[in-house]
Amino acid sequence: MTLMTIKDFRARPCSIEYLTLYSACTSLLLSITAASFGQLEPAWGIAIFCYLILSMAFLGFCRFKRNARATQFYIEWLRALPNSDLATLTYRLKAQSKERELVNSLHIEALSKPKAKCKRPTLA
């Protein structure tokens, strides 16, 4: 069994995120250059500052969503594993990791489920 972590399920940033980051950095550099020469109007400075704040909020939201989806995919992968593999994973993961907390919660959840009662065979 391969040891998987939440990082293995995380998607790479999309092109819109890269374009937002590059345009925010470019506008920051241009505004700093223009401000150093005294060629920047105050209205443009405020507009660029608002754009930087909005772009950072957008990038933070995208990162949050990627992490949430990676955690969901990791939980689905864990649910597909048998209980013996969950017990093995408990010992292979770091003590204070998020992965170990998820494995422990799923392992306890799997053990606490009532087993289906079946009739014992009779000696006839």
PDB file of N, CA and C in Angstrom:
ATOM      1  N   MET A   1       0.834  -1.168   0.000  1.00  0.00           N
ATOM      2  CA  MET A   1       0.000   0.000   0.000  1.00  0.00           C
ATOM      3  C   MET A   1       0.891   1.247   0.000  1.00  0.00           C
ATOM      4  N   THR A   2       0.576   2.182  -0.861  1.00  0.00           N
ATOM      5  CA  THR A   2       1.329   3.421  -0.962  1.00  0.00           C
ATOM      6  C   THR A   2       0.814   4.420   0.069  1.00  0.00           C
ATOM      7  N   LEU A   3       1.731   5.076   0.756  1.00  0.00           N
ATOM      8  CA  LEU A   3       1.357   6.087   1.741  1.00  0.00           C
ATOM      9  C   LEU A   3       1.009   7.377   1.003  1.00  0.00           C
ATOM     10  N   MET A   4      -0.241   7.799   1.119  1.00  0.00           N
ATOM     11  CA  MET A   4      -0.706   9.022   0.468  1.00  0.00           C
ATOM     12  C   MET A   4      -0.969  10.079   1.534  1.00  0.00           C
ATOM     13  N   THR A   5      -0.753  11.323   1.176  1.00  0.00           N
ATOM     14  CA  THR A   5      -1.058  12.435   2.065  1.00  0.00           C
ATOM     15  C   THR A   5      -2.027  13.375   1.357  1.00  0.00           C
ATOM     16  N   ILE A   6      -2.497  14.378   2.077  1.00  0.00           N
ATOM     17  CA  ILE A   6      -3.431  15.337   1.481  1.00  0.00           C
ATOM     18  C   ILE A   6      -2.758  16.095   0.345  1.00  0.00           C
ATOM     19  N   LYS A   7      -1.450  16.312   0.458  1.00  0.00           N
ATOM     20  CA  LYS A   7      -0.709  17.019  -0.594  1.00  0.00           C
ATOM     21  C   LYS A   7      -0.784  16.294  -1.933  1.00  0.00           C
ATOM     22  N   ASP A   8      -0.876  14.966  -1.890  1.00  0.00           N
ATOM     23  CA  ASP A   8      -0.939  14.195  -3.126  1.00  0.00           C
ATOM     24  C   ASP A   8      -2.240  14.427  -3.885  1.00  0.00           C
ATOM     25  N   PHE A   9      -3.284  14.872  -3.201  1.00  0.00           N
ATOM     26  CA  PHE A   9      -4.577  15.086  -3.832  1.00  0.00           C
ATOM     27  C   PHE A   9      -4.821  16.552  -4.183  1.00  0.00           C
ATOM     28  N   ARG A  10      -3.885  17.429  -3.865  1.00  0.00           N
ATOM     29  CA  ARG A  10      -4.051  18.856  -4.110  1.00  0.00           C
ATOM     30  C   ARG A  10      -3.806  19.164  -5.583  1.00  0.00           C
ATOM     31  N   ALA A  11      -4.710  19.955  -6.160  1.00  0.00           N
ATOM     32  CA  ALA A  11      -4.580  20.346  -7.569  1.00  0.00           C
ATOM     33  C   ALA A  11      -3.608  21.505  -7.704  1.00  0.00           C
ATOM     34  N   ARG A  12      -3.057  21.634  -8.881  1.00  0.00           N
ATOM     35  CA  ARG A  12      -2.150  22.756  -9.149  1.00  0.00           C
ATOM     36  C   ARG A  12      -2.972  24.007  -9.429  1.00  0.00           C
ATOM     37  N   PRO A  13      -2.395  25.178  -9.191  1.00  0.00           N
ATOM     38  CA  PRO A  13      -3.119  26.419  -9.480  1.00  0.00           C
ATOM     39  C   PRO A  13      -3.459  26.534 -10.968  1.00  0.00           C
ATOM     40  N   CYS A  14      -4.614  27.131 -11.255  1.00  0.00           N
ATOM     41  CA  CYS A  14      -5.036  27.271 -12.654  1.00  0.00           C
ATOM     42  C   CYS A  14      -4.409  28.530 -13.263  1.00  0.00           C
ATOM     43  N   SER A  15      -4.597  28.683 -14.550  1.00  0.00           N
ATOM     44  CA  SER A  15      -3.959  29.792 -15.264  1.00  0.00           C
ATOM     45  C   SER A  15      -4.501  31.144 -14.815  1.00  0.00           C
ATOM     46  N   ILE A  16      -5.768  31.211 -14.408  1.00  0.00           N
ATOM     47  CA  ILE A  16      -6.330  32.485 -13.947  1.00  0.00           C
ATOM     48  C   ILE A  16      -5.617  32.953 -12.684  1.00  0.00           C
ATOM     49  N   GLU A  17      -5.256  32.016 -11.827  1.00  0.00           N
ATOM     50  CA  GLU A  17      -4.531  32.379 -10.610  1.00  0.00           C
ATOM     51  C   GLU A  17      -3.149  32.940 -10.944  1.00  0.00           C
ATOM     52  N   TYR A  18      -2.473  32.298 -11.879  1.00  0.00           N
ATOM     53  CA  TYR A  18      -1.156  32.806 -12.290  1.00  0.00           C
ATOM     54  C   TYR A  18      -1.265  34.190 -12.916  1.00  0.00           C
ATOM     55  N   LEU A  19      -2.269  34.380 -13.783  1.00  0.00           N
ATOM     56  CA  LEU A  19      -2.448  35.688 -14.412  1.00  0.00           C
ATOM     57  C   LEU A  19      -2.781  36.765 -13.382  1.00  0.00           C
ATOM     58  N   THR A  20      -3.593  36.423 -12.396  1.00  0.00           N
ATOM     59  CA  THR A  20      -3.919  37.381 -11.338  1.00  0.00           C
ATOM     60  C   THR A  20      -2.673  37.753 -10.549  1.00  0.00           C
ATOM     61  N   LEU A  21      -1.868  36.770 -10.228  1.00  0.00           N
ATOM     62  CA  LEU A  21      -0.643  37.030  -9.468  1.00  0.00           C
ATOM     63  C   LEU A  21       0.336  37.896 -10.265  1.00  0.00           C
ATOM     64  N   TYR A  22       0.522  37.557 -11.532  1.00  0.00           N
ATOM     65  CA  TYR A  22       1.456  38.320 -12.367  1.00  0.00           C
ATOM     66  C   TYR A  22       0.964  39.754 -12.579  1.00  0.00           C
ATOM     67  N   SER A  23      -0.334  39.927 -12.822  1.00  0.00           N
ATOM     68  CA  SER A  23      -0.845  41.283 -13.041  1.00  0.00           C
ATOM     69  C   SER A  23      -0.787  42.107 -11.756  1.00  0.00           C
ATOM     70  N   ALA A  24      -1.020  41.493 -10.604  1.00  0.00           N
ATOM     71  CA  ALA A  24      -0.925  42.223  -9.333  1.00  0.00           C
ATOM     72  C   ALA A  24       0.512  42.659  -9.071  1.00  0.00           C
ATOM     73  N   CYS A  25       1.461  41.758  -9.314  1.00  0.00           N
ATOM     74  CA  CYS A  25       2.877  42.118  -9.119  1.00  0.00           C
ATOM     75  C   CYS A  25       3.314  43.201 -10.095  1.00  0.00           C
ATOM     76  N   THR A  26       2.873  43.112 -11.333  1.00  0.00           N
ATOM     77  CA  THR A  26       3.230  44.115 -12.339  1.00  0.00           C
ATOM     78  C   THR A  26       2.649  45.474 -11.992  1.00  0.00           C
ATOM     79  N   SER A  27       1.388  45.487 -11.593  1.00  0.00           N
ATOM     80  CA  SER A  27       0.779  46.780 -11.235  1.00  0.00           C
ATOM     81  C   SER A  27       1.448  47.376 -10.004  1.00  0.00           C
ATOM     82  N   LEU A  28       1.876  46.540  -9.073  1.00  0.00           N
ATOM     83  CA  LEU A  28       2.592  47.035  -7.904  1.00  0.00           C
ATOM     84  C   LEU A  28       3.935  47.651  -8.302  1.00  0.00           C
ATOM     85  N   LEU A  29       4.669  46.958  -9.162  1.00  0.00           N
ATOM     86  CA  LEU A  29       5.964  47.489  -9.600  1.00  0.00           C
ATOM     87  C   LEU A  29       5.810  48.783 -10.389  1.00  0.00           C
ATOM     88  N   LEU A  30       4.815  48.833 -11.273  1.00  0.00           N
ATOM     89  CA  LEU A  30       4.590  50.058 -12.050  1.00  0.00           C
ATOM     90  C   LEU A  30       4.164  51.220 -11.155  1.00  0.00           C
ATOM     91  N   SER A  31       3.328  50.942 -10.169  1.00  0.00           N
ATOM     92  CA  SER A  31       2.880  52.021  -9.287  1.00  0.00           C
ATOM     93  C   SER A  31       4.012  52.516  -8.398  1.00  0.00           C
ATOM     94  N   ILE A  32       4.869  51.626  -7.944  1.00  0.00           N
ATOM     95  CA  ILE A  32       6.019  52.051  -7.141  1.00  0.00           C
ATOM     96  C   ILE A  32       6.965  52.902  -7.981  1.00  0.00           C
ATOM     97  N   THR A  33       7.185  52.486  -9.226  1.00  0.00           N
ATOM     98  CA  THR A  33       8.055  53.256 -10.115  1.00  0.00           C
ATOM     99  C   THR A  33       7.464  54.636 -10.395  1.00  0.00           C
ATOM    100  N   ALA A  34       6.166  54.688 -10.693  1.00  0.00           N
ATOM    101  CA  ALA A  34       5.523  55.970 -10.986  1.00  0.00           C
ATOM    102  C   ALA A  34       5.481  56.860  -9.749  1.00  0.00           C
ATOM    103  N   ALA A  35       5.273  56.274  -8.593  1.00  0.00           N
ATOM    104  CA  ALA A  35       5.224  57.064  -7.357  1.00  0.00           C
ATOM    105  C   ALA A  35       6.601  57.624  -7.013  1.00  0.00           C
ATOM    106  N   SER A  36       7.646  56.855  -7.315  1.00  0.00           N
ATOM    107  CA  SER A  36       8.995  57.350  -7.018  1.00  0.00           C
ATOM    108  C   SER A  36       9.371  58.543  -7.903  1.00  0.00           C
ATOM    109  N   PHE A  37       8.806  58.633  -9.105  1.00  0.00           N
ATOM    110  CA  PHE A  37       9.053  59.772  -9.985  1.00  0.00           C
ATOM    111  C   PHE A  37       8.017  60.873  -9.809  1.00  0.00           C
ATOM    112  N   GLY A  38       7.058  60.651  -8.931  1.00  0.00           N
ATOM    113  CA  GLY A  38       6.026  61.660  -8.693  1.00  0.00           C
ATOM    114  C   GLY A  38       5.001  61.750  -9.796  1.00  0.00           C
ATOM    115  N   GLN A  39       4.823  60.723 -10.589  1.00  0.00           N
ATOM    116  CA  GLN A  39       3.908  60.740 -11.725  1.00  0.00           C
ATOM    117  C   GLN A  39       2.606  59.984 -11.459  1.00  0.00           C
ATOM    118  N   LEU A  40       2.331  59.616 -10.213  1.00  0.00           N
ATOM    119  CA  LEU A  40       1.147  58.804  -9.908  1.00  0.00           C
ATOM    120  C   LEU A  40       0.081  59.671  -9.255  1.00  0.00           C
ATOM    121  N   GLU A  41      -1.077  59.698  -9.862  1.00  0.00           N
ATOM    122  CA  GLU A  41      -2.212  60.419  -9.307  1.00  0.00           C
ATOM    123  C   GLU A  41      -2.744  59.656  -8.088  1.00  0.00           C
ATOM    124  N   PRO A  42      -3.258  60.352  -7.078  1.00  0.00           N
ATOM    125  CA  PRO A  42      -3.782  59.659  -5.889  1.00  0.00           C
ATOM    126  C   PRO A  42      -4.929  58.696  -6.196  1.00  0.00           C
ATOM    127  N   ALA A  43      -5.771  59.032  -7.162  1.00  0.00           N
ATOM    128  CA  ALA A  43      -6.885  58.139  -7.509  1.00  0.00           C
ATOM    129  C   ALA A  43      -6.367  56.814  -8.063  1.00  0.00           C
ATOM    130  N   TRP A  44      -5.324  56.890  -8.888  1.00  0.00           N
ATOM    131  CA  TRP A  44      -4.738  55.666  -9.424  1.00  0.00           C
ATOM    132  C   TRP A  44      -4.077  54.839  -8.324  1.00  0.00           C
ATOM    133  N   GLY A  45      -3.458  55.501  -7.382  1.00  0.00           N
ATOM    134  CA  GLY A  45      -2.841  54.789  -6.264  1.00  0.00           C
ATOM    135  C   GLY A  45      -3.856  54.027  -5.443  1.00  0.00           C
ATOM    136  N   ILE A  46      -5.009  54.666  -5.196  1.00  0.00           N
ATOM    137  CA  ILE A  46      -6.079  53.995  -4.444  1.00  0.00           C
ATOM    138  C   ILE A  46      -6.652  52.838  -5.255  1.00  0.00           C
ATOM    139  N   ALA A  47      -6.827  53.034  -6.557  1.00  0.00           N
ATOM    140  CA  ALA A  47      -7.362  51.964  -7.416  1.00  0.00           C
ATOM    141  C   ALA A  47      -6.409  50.767  -7.457  1.00  0.00           C
ATOM    142  N   ILE A  48      -5.126  51.020  -7.551  1.00  0.00           N
ATOM    143  CA  ILE A  48      -4.145  49.930  -7.580  1.00  0.00           C
ATOM    144  C   ILE A  48      -4.107  49.201  -6.238  1.00  0.00           C
ATOM    145  N   PHE A  49      -4.205  49.950  -5.147  1.00  0.00           N
ATOM    146  CA  PHE A  49      -4.223  49.326  -3.828  1.00  0.00           C
ATOM    147  C   PHE A  49      -5.455  48.432  -3.662  1.00  0.00           C
ATOM    148  N   CYS A  50      -6.625  48.914  -4.113  1.00  0.00           N
ATOM    149  CA  CYS A  50      -7.847  48.093  -4.054  1.00  0.00           C
ATOM    150  C   CYS A  50      -7.717  46.848  -4.922  1.00  0.00           C
ATOM    151  N   TYR A  51      -7.100  46.994  -6.092  1.00  0.00           N
ATOM    152  CA  TYR A  51      -6.887  45.831  -6.960  1.00  0.00           C
ATOM    153  C   TYR A  51      -5.977  44.804  -6.288  1.00  0.00           C
ATOM    154  N   LEU A  52      -4.938  45.267  -5.616  1.00  0.00           N
ATOM    155  CA  LEU A  52      -4.047  44.343  -4.912  1.00  0.00           C
ATOM    156  C   LEU A  52      -4.787  43.595  -3.801  1.00  0.00           C
ATOM    157  N   ILE A  53      -5.606  44.295  -3.053  1.00  0.00           N
ATOM    158  CA  ILE A  53      -6.376  43.665  -1.974  1.00  0.00           C
ATOM    159  C   ILE A  53      -7.343  42.618  -2.552  1.00  0.00           C
ATOM    160  N   LEU A  54      -8.049  42.974  -3.616  1.00  0.00           N
ATOM    161  CA  LEU A  54      -8.991  42.038  -4.237  1.00  0.00           C
ATOM    162  C   LEU A  54      -8.286  40.818  -4.832  1.00  0.00           C
ATOM    163  N   SER A  55      -7.146  41.031  -5.457  1.00  0.00           N
ATOM    164  CA  SER A  55      -6.436  39.899  -6.054  1.00  0.00           C
ATOM    165  C   SER A  55      -5.898  38.965  -4.964  1.00  0.00           C
ATOM    166  N   MET A  56      -5.424  39.519  -3.846  1.00  0.00           N
ATOM    167  CA  MET A  56      -4.944  38.665  -2.753  1.00  0.00           C
ATOM    168  C   MET A  56      -6.102  37.885  -2.128  1.00  0.00           C
ATOM    169  N   ALA A  57      -7.284  38.515  -2.021  1.00  0.00           N
ATOM    170  CA  ALA A  57      -8.453  37.812  -1.496  1.00  0.00           C
ATOM    171  C   ALA A  57      -8.866  36.677  -2.443  1.00  0.00           C
ATOM    172  N   PHE A  58      -8.829  36.940  -3.747  1.00  0.00           N
ATOM    173  CA  PHE A  58      -9.169  35.905  -4.729  1.00  0.00           C
ATOM    174  C   PHE A  58      -8.189  34.733  -4.654  1.00  0.00           C
ATOM    175  N   LEU A  59      -6.906  35.020  -4.571  1.00  0.00           N
ATOM    176  CA  LEU A  59      -5.905  33.950  -4.497  1.00  0.00           C
ATOM    177  C   LEU A  59      -6.036  33.157  -3.201  1.00  0.00           C
ATOM    178  N   GLY A  60      -6.341  33.832  -2.105  1.00  0.00           N
ATOM    179  CA  GLY A  60      -6.551  33.137  -0.839  1.00  0.00           C
ATOM    180  C   GLY A  60      -7.774  32.233  -0.882  1.00  0.00           C
ATOM    181  N   PHE A  61      -8.854  32.707  -1.510  1.00  0.00           N
ATOM    182  CA  PHE A  61     -10.053  31.889  -1.645  1.00  0.00           C
ATOM    183  C   PHE A  61      -9.786  30.655  -2.507  1.00  0.00           C
ATOM    184  N   CYS A  62      -9.062  30.831  -3.605  1.00  0.00           N
ATOM    185  CA  CYS A  62      -8.737  29.690  -4.467  1.00  0.00           C
ATOM    186  C   CYS A  62      -7.898  28.657  -3.724  1.00  0.00           C
ATOM    187  N   ARG A  63      -6.951  29.122  -2.943  1.00  0.00           N
ATOM    188  CA  ARG A  63      -6.115  28.204  -2.163  1.00  0.00           C
ATOM    189  C   ARG A  63      -6.950  27.459  -1.122  1.00  0.00           C
ATOM    190  N   PHE A  64      -7.868  28.160  -0.467  1.00  0.00           N
ATOM    191  CA  PHE A  64      -8.748  27.527   0.515  1.00  0.00           C
ATOM    192  C   PHE A  64      -9.589  26.440  -0.142  1.00  0.00           C
ATOM    193  N   LYS A  65     -10.159  26.727  -1.315  1.00  0.00           N
ATOM    194  CA  LYS A  65     -10.988  25.739  -2.016  1.00  0.00           C
ATOM    195  C   LYS A  65     -10.166  24.526  -2.460  1.00  0.00           C
ATOM    196  N   ARG A  66      -8.936  24.757  -2.923  1.00  0.00           N
ATOM    197  CA  ARG A  66      -8.075  23.636  -3.323  1.00  0.00           C
ATOM    198  C   ARG A  66      -7.781  22.736  -2.138  1.00  0.00           C
ATOM    199  N   ASN A  67      -7.491  23.334  -0.977  1.00  0.00           N
ATOM    200  CA  ASN A  67      -7.204  22.540   0.217  1.00  0.00           C
ATOM    201  C   ASN A  67      -8.437  21.761   0.684  1.00  0.00           C
ATOM    202  N   ALA A  68      -9.609  22.388   0.613  1.00  0.00           N
ATOM    203  CA  ALA A  68     -10.836  21.713   1.024  1.00  0.00           C
ATOM    204  C   ALA A  68     -11.135  20.531   0.101  1.00  0.00           C
ATOM    205  N   ARG A  69     -10.960  20.719  -1.185  1.00  0.00           N
ATOM    206  CA  ARG A  69     -11.215  19.621  -2.127  1.00  0.00           C
ATOM    207  C   ARG A  69     -10.201  18.491  -1.960  1.00  0.00           C
ATOM    208  N   ALA A  70      -8.959  18.839  -1.683  1.00  0.00           N
ATOM    209  CA  ALA A  70      -7.946  17.809  -1.463  1.00  0.00           C
ATOM    210  C   ALA A  70      -8.281  16.992  -0.219  1.00  0.00           C
ATOM    211  N   THR A  71      -8.767  17.643   0.811  1.00  0.00           N
ATOM    212  CA  THR A  71      -9.164  16.922   2.023  1.00  0.00           C
ATOM    213  C   THR A  71     -10.342  16.003   1.738  1.00  0.00           C
ATOM    214  N   GLN A  72     -11.296  16.468   0.948  1.00  0.00           N
ATOM    215  CA  GLN A  72     -12.442  15.623   0.596  1.00  0.00           C
ATOM    216  C   GLN A  72     -12.008  14.403  -0.212  1.00  0.00           C
ATOM    217  N   PHE A  73     -11.111  14.592  -1.172  1.00  0.00           N
ATOM    218  CA  PHE A  73     -10.619  13.464  -1.961  1.00  0.00           C
ATOM    219  C   PHE A  73      -9.843  12.481  -1.080  1.00  0.00           C
ATOM    220  N   TYR A  74      -9.084  13.001  -0.122  1.00  0.00           N
ATOM    221  CA  TYR A  74      -8.317  12.145   0.782  1.00  0.00           C
ATOM    222  C   TYR A  74      -9.264  11.308   1.645  1.00  0.00           C
ATOM    223  N   ILE A  75     -10.345  11.922   2.126  1.00  0.00           N
ATOM    224  CA  ILE A  75     -11.315  11.183   2.933  1.00  0.00           C
ATOM    225  C   ILE A  75     -11.980  10.088   2.106  1.00  0.00           C
ATOM    226  N   GLU A  76     -12.318  10.385   0.866  1.00  0.00           N
ATOM    227  CA  GLU A  76     -12.913   9.363  -0.003  1.00  0.00           C
ATOM    228  C   GLU A  76     -11.933   8.215  -0.257  1.00  0.00           C
ATOM    229  N   TRP A  77     -10.653   8.542  -0.418  1.00  0.00           N
ATOM    230  CA  TRP A  77      -9.652   7.490  -0.609  1.00  0.00           C
ATOM    231  C   TRP A  77      -9.541   6.638   0.641  1.00  0.00           C
ATOM    232  N   LEU A  78      -9.593   7.275   1.811  1.00  0.00           N
ATOM    233  CA  LEU A  78      -9.512   6.520   3.069  1.00  0.00           C
ATOM    234  C   LEU A  78     -10.723   5.616   3.265  1.00  0.00           C
ATOM    235  N   ARG A  79     -11.891   6.091   2.874  1.00  0.00           N
ATOM    236  CA  ARG A  79     -13.102   5.271   3.039  1.00  0.00           C
ATOM    237  C   ARG A  79     -13.074   4.028   2.161  1.00  0.00           C
ATOM    238  N   ALA A  80     -12.328   4.075   1.085  1.00  0.00           N
ATOM    239  CA  ALA A  80     -12.242   2.913   0.196  1.00  0.00           C
ATOM    240  C   ALA A  80     -11.270   1.861   0.724  1.00  0.00           C
ATOM    241  N   LEU A  81     -10.467   2.210   1.722  1.00  0.00           N
ATOM    242  CA  LEU A  81      -9.486   1.264   2.262  1.00  0.00           C
ATOM    243  C   LEU A  81     -10.127   0.329   3.278  1.00  0.00           C
ATOM    244  N   PRO A  82      -9.640  -0.896   3.360  1.00  0.00           N
ATOM    245  CA  PRO A  82     -10.130  -1.802   4.405  1.00  0.00           C
ATOM    246  C   PRO A  82      -9.605  -1.383   5.786  1.00  0.00           C
ATOM    247  N   ASN A  83     -10.228  -1.912   6.844  1.00  0.00           N
ATOM    248  CA  ASN A  83      -9.860  -1.528   8.208  1.00  0.00           C
ATOM    249  C   ASN A  83      -8.418  -1.882   8.546  1.00  0.00           C
ATOM    250  N   SER A  84      -7.897  -2.955   7.984  1.00  0.00           N
ATOM    251  CA  SER A  84      -6.514  -3.335   8.278  1.00  0.00           C
ATOM    252  C   SER A  84      -5.531  -2.299   7.740  1.00  0.00           C
ATOM    253  N   ASP A  85      -5.824  -1.757   6.557  1.00  0.00           N
ATOM    254  CA  ASP A  85      -4.962  -0.706   6.009  1.00  0.00           C
ATOM    255  C   ASP A  85      -5.073   0.589   6.809  1.00  0.00           C
ATOM    256  N   LEU A  86      -6.271   0.879   7.325  1.00  0.00           N
ATOM    257  CA  LEU A  86      -6.427   2.062   8.172  1.00  0.00           C
ATOM    258  C   LEU A  86      -5.605   1.928   9.450  1.00  0.00           C
ATOM    259  N   ALA A  87      -5.588   0.724  10.015  1.00  0.00           N
ATOM    260  CA  ALA A  87      -4.786   0.507  11.222  1.00  0.00           C
ATOM    261  C   ALA A  87      -3.302   0.655  10.911  1.00  0.00           C
ATOM    262  N   THR A  88      -2.876   0.185   9.746  1.00  0.00           N
ATOM    263  CA  THR A  88      -1.470   0.325   9.350  1.00  0.00           C
ATOM    264  C   THR A  88      -1.112   1.790   9.131  1.00  0.00           C
ATOM    265  N   LEU A  89      -2.021   2.534   8.498  1.00  0.00           N
ATOM    266  CA  LEU A  89      -1.770   3.952   8.255  1.00  0.00           C
ATOM    267  C   LEU A  89      -1.641   4.739   9.556  1.00  0.00           C
ATOM    268  N   THR A  90      -2.367   4.323  10.583  1.00  0.00           N
ATOM    269  CA  THR A  90      -2.304   5.030  11.863  1.00  0.00           C
ATOM    270  C   THR A  90      -0.888   5.056  12.401  1.00  0.00           C
ATOM    271  N   TYR A  91      -0.161   3.976  12.230  1.00  0.00           N
ATOM    272  CA  TYR A  91       1.205   3.899  12.751  1.00  0.00           C
ATOM    273  C   TYR A  91       2.237   4.534  11.822  1.00  0.00           C
ATOM    274  N   ARG A  92       1.908   4.679  10.534  1.00  0.00           N
ATOM    275  CA  ARG A  92       2.882   5.211   9.580  1.00  0.00           C
ATOM    276  C   ARG A  92       2.870   6.734   9.474  1.00  0.00           C
ATOM    277  N   LEU A  93       1.799   7.371   9.926  1.00  0.00           N
ATOM    278  CA  LEU A  93       1.691   8.823   9.798  1.00  0.00           C
ATOM    279  C   LEU A  93       2.235   9.523  11.040  1.00  0.00           C
ATOM    280  N   LYS A  94       2.617  10.791  10.874  1.00  0.00           N
ATOM    281  CA  LYS A  94       3.136  11.579  11.995  1.00  0.00           C
ATOM    282  C   LYS A  94       2.055  11.758  13.051  1.00  0.00           C
ATOM    283  N   ALA A  95       2.485  11.906  14.294  1.00  0.00           N
ATOM    284  CA  ALA A  95       1.544  11.949  15.418  1.00  0.00           C
ATOM    285  C   ALA A  95       0.614  13.161  15.366  1.00  0.00           C
ATOM    286  N   GLN A  96       1.090  14.314  14.978  1.00  0.00           N
ATOM    287  CA  GLN A  96       0.280  15.528  15.017  1.00  0.00           C
ATOM    288  C   GLN A  96      -0.181  15.982  13.627  1.00  0.00           C
ATOM    289  N   SER A  97      -0.262  15.079  12.674  1.00  0.00           N
ATOM    290  CA  SER A  97      -0.650  15.483  11.324  1.00  0.00           C
ATOM    291  C   SER A  97      -2.165  15.418  11.140  1.00  0.00           C
ATOM    292  N   LYS A  98      -2.632  16.208  10.185  1.00  0.00           N
ATOM    293  CA  LYS A  98      -4.061  16.217   9.871  1.00  0.00           C
ATOM    294  C   LYS A  98      -4.490  14.873   9.283  1.00  0.00           C
ATOM    295  N   GLU A  99      -3.597  14.248   8.530  1.00  0.00           N
ATOM    296  CA  GLU A  99      -3.903  12.958   7.940  1.00  0.00           C
ATOM    297  C   GLU A  99      -4.174  11.909   9.016  1.00  0.00           C
ATOM    298  N   ARG A 100      -3.360  11.923  10.065  1.00  0.00           N
ATOM    299  CA  ARG A 100      -3.543  10.936  11.132  1.00  0.00           C
ATOM    300  C   ARG A 100      -4.864  11.163  11.868  1.00  0.00           C
ATOM    301  N   GLU A 101      -5.242  12.412  12.067  1.00  0.00           N
ATOM    302  CA  GLU A 101      -6.530  12.699  12.699  1.00  0.00           C
ATOM    303  C   GLU A 101      -7.676  12.149  11.856  1.00  0.00           C
ATOM    304  N   LEU A 102      -7.598  12.328  10.536  1.00  0.00           N
ATOM    305  CA  LEU A 102      -8.640  11.805   9.657  1.00  0.00           C
ATOM    306  C   LEU A 102      -8.680  10.284   9.677  1.00  0.00           C
ATOM    307  N   VAL A 103      -7.509   9.659   9.656  1.00  0.00           N
ATOM    308  CA  VAL A 103      -7.441   8.197   9.679  1.00  0.00           C
ATOM    309  C   VAL A 103      -8.010   7.670  10.994  1.00  0.00           C
ATOM    310  N   ASN A 104      -7.638   8.298  12.107  1.00  0.00           N
ATOM    311  CA  ASN A 104      -8.153   7.850  13.399  1.00  0.00           C
ATOM    312  C   ASN A 104      -9.667   7.999  13.482  1.00  0.00           C
ATOM    313  N   SER A 105     -10.185   9.112  12.986  1.00  0.00           N
ATOM    314  CA  SER A 105     -11.638   9.306  13.047  1.00  0.00           C
ATOM    315  C   SER A 105     -12.370   8.285  12.178  1.00  0.00           C
ATOM    316  N   LEU A 106     -11.841   8.000  10.996  1.00  0.00           N
ATOM    317  CA  LEU A 106     -12.481   7.002  10.134  1.00  0.00           C
ATOM    318  C   LEU A 106     -12.319   5.593  10.689  1.00  0.00           C
ATOM    319  N   HIS A 107     -11.181   5.322  11.310  1.00  0.00           N
ATOM    320  CA  HIS A 107     -10.945   3.986  11.880  1.00  0.00           C
ATOM    321  C   HIS A 107     -11.883   3.760  13.064  1.00  0.00           C
ATOM    322  N   ILE A 108     -12.046   4.761  13.909  1.00  0.00           N
ATOM    323  CA  ILE A 108     -12.959   4.639  15.046  1.00  0.00           C
ATOM    324  C   ILE A 108     -14.396   4.530  14.553  1.00  0.00           C
ATOM    325  N   GLU A 109     -14.716   5.293  13.521  1.00  0.00           N
ATOM    326  CA  GLU A 109     -16.063   5.244  12.942  1.00  0.00           C
ATOM    327  C   GLU A 109     -16.353   3.859  12.371  1.00  0.00           C
ATOM    328  N   ALA A 110     -15.353   3.270  11.718  1.00  0.00           N
ATOM    329  CA  ALA A 110     -15.542   1.940  11.131  1.00  0.00           C
ATOM    330  C   ALA A 110     -15.680   0.879  12.223  1.00  0.00           C
ATOM    331  N   LEU A 111     -14.954   1.029  13.318  1.00  0.00           N
ATOM    332  CA  LEU A 111     -15.036   0.048  14.397  1.00  0.00           C
ATOM    333  C   LEU A 111     -16.323   0.183  15.195  1.00  0.00           C
ATOM    334  N   SER A 112     -16.890   1.381  15.258  1.00  0.00           N
ATOM    335  CA  SER A 112     -18.087   1.589  16.071  1.00  0.00           C
ATOM    336  C   SER A 112     -19.367   1.184  15.352  1.00  0.00           C
ATOM    337  N   LYS A 113     -19.294   0.930  14.051  1.00  0.00           N
ATOM    338  CA  LYS A 113     -20.479   0.484  13.321  1.00  0.00           C
ATOM    339  C   LYS A 113     -20.872  -0.903  13.811  1.00  0.00           C
ATOM    340  N   PRO A 114     -22.165  -1.110  14.059  1.00  0.00           N
ATOM    341  CA  PRO A 114     -22.574  -2.457  14.491  1.00  0.00           C
ATOM    342  C   PRO A 114     -22.442  -3.445  13.345  1.00  0.00           C
ATOM    343  N   LYS A 115     -21.942  -4.588  13.688  1.00  0.00           N
ATOM    344  CA  LYS A 115     -21.782  -5.622  12.670  1.00  0.00           C
ATOM    345  C   LYS A 115     -23.112  -6.325  12.469  1.00  0.00           C
ATOM    346  N   ALA A 116     -23.315  -6.801  11.282  1.00  0.00           N
ATOM    347  CA  ALA A 116     -24.545  -7.520  10.983  1.00  0.00           C
ATOM    348  C   ALA A 116     -24.523  -8.860  11.714  1.00  0.00           C
ATOM    349  N   LYS A 117     -25.611  -9.108  12.432  1.00  0.00           N
ATOM    350  CA  LYS A 117     -25.678 -10.357  13.190  1.00  0.00           C
ATOM    351  C   LYS A 117     -26.125 -11.463  12.234  1.00  0.00           C
ATOM    352  N   CYS A 118     -25.455 -12.569  12.344  1.00  0.00           N
ATOM    353  CA  CYS A 118     -25.831 -13.706  11.546  1.00  0.00           C
ATOM    354  C   CYS A 118     -26.084 -14.879  12.485  1.00  0.00           C
ATOM    355  N   LYS A 119     -26.888 -15.789  12.039  1.00  0.00           N
ATOM    356  CA  LYS A 119     -27.203 -16.943  12.860  1.00  0.00           C
ATOM    357  C   LYS A 119     -26.034 -17.903  12.877  1.00  0.00           C
ATOM    358  N   ARG A 120     -25.821 -18.458  14.039  1.00  0.00           N
ATOM    359  CA  ARG A 120     -24.765 -19.462  14.138  1.00  0.00           C
ATOM    360  C   ARG A 120     -25.262 -20.766  13.524  1.00  0.00           C
ATOM    361  N   PRO A 121     -24.376 -21.469  12.871  1.00  0.00           N
ATOM    362  CA  PRO A 121     -24.798 -22.757  12.312  1.00  0.00           C
ATOM    363  C   PRO A 121     -25.054 -23.765  13.437  1.00  0.00           C
ATOM    364  N   THR A 122     -26.055 -24.536  13.233  1.00  0.00           N
ATOM    365  CA  THR A 122     -26.411 -25.547  14.229  1.00  0.00           C
ATOM    366  C   THR A 122     -25.828 -26.885  13.811  1.00  0.00           C
ATOM    367  N   LEU A 123     -25.543 -27.666  14.781  1.00  0.00           N
ATOM    368  CA  LEU A 123     -25.037 -29.006  14.499  1.00  0.00           C
ATOM    369  C   LEU A 123     -26.229 -29.941  14.345  1.00  0.00           C
ATOM    370  N   ALA A 124     -26.586 -30.223  13.154  1.00  0.00           N
ATOM    371  CA  ALA A 124     -27.753 -31.082  12.921  1.00  0.00           C
ATOM    372  C   ALA A 124     -27.342 -32.354  12.256  1.00  0.00           C
TER     373      ALA A 124
END
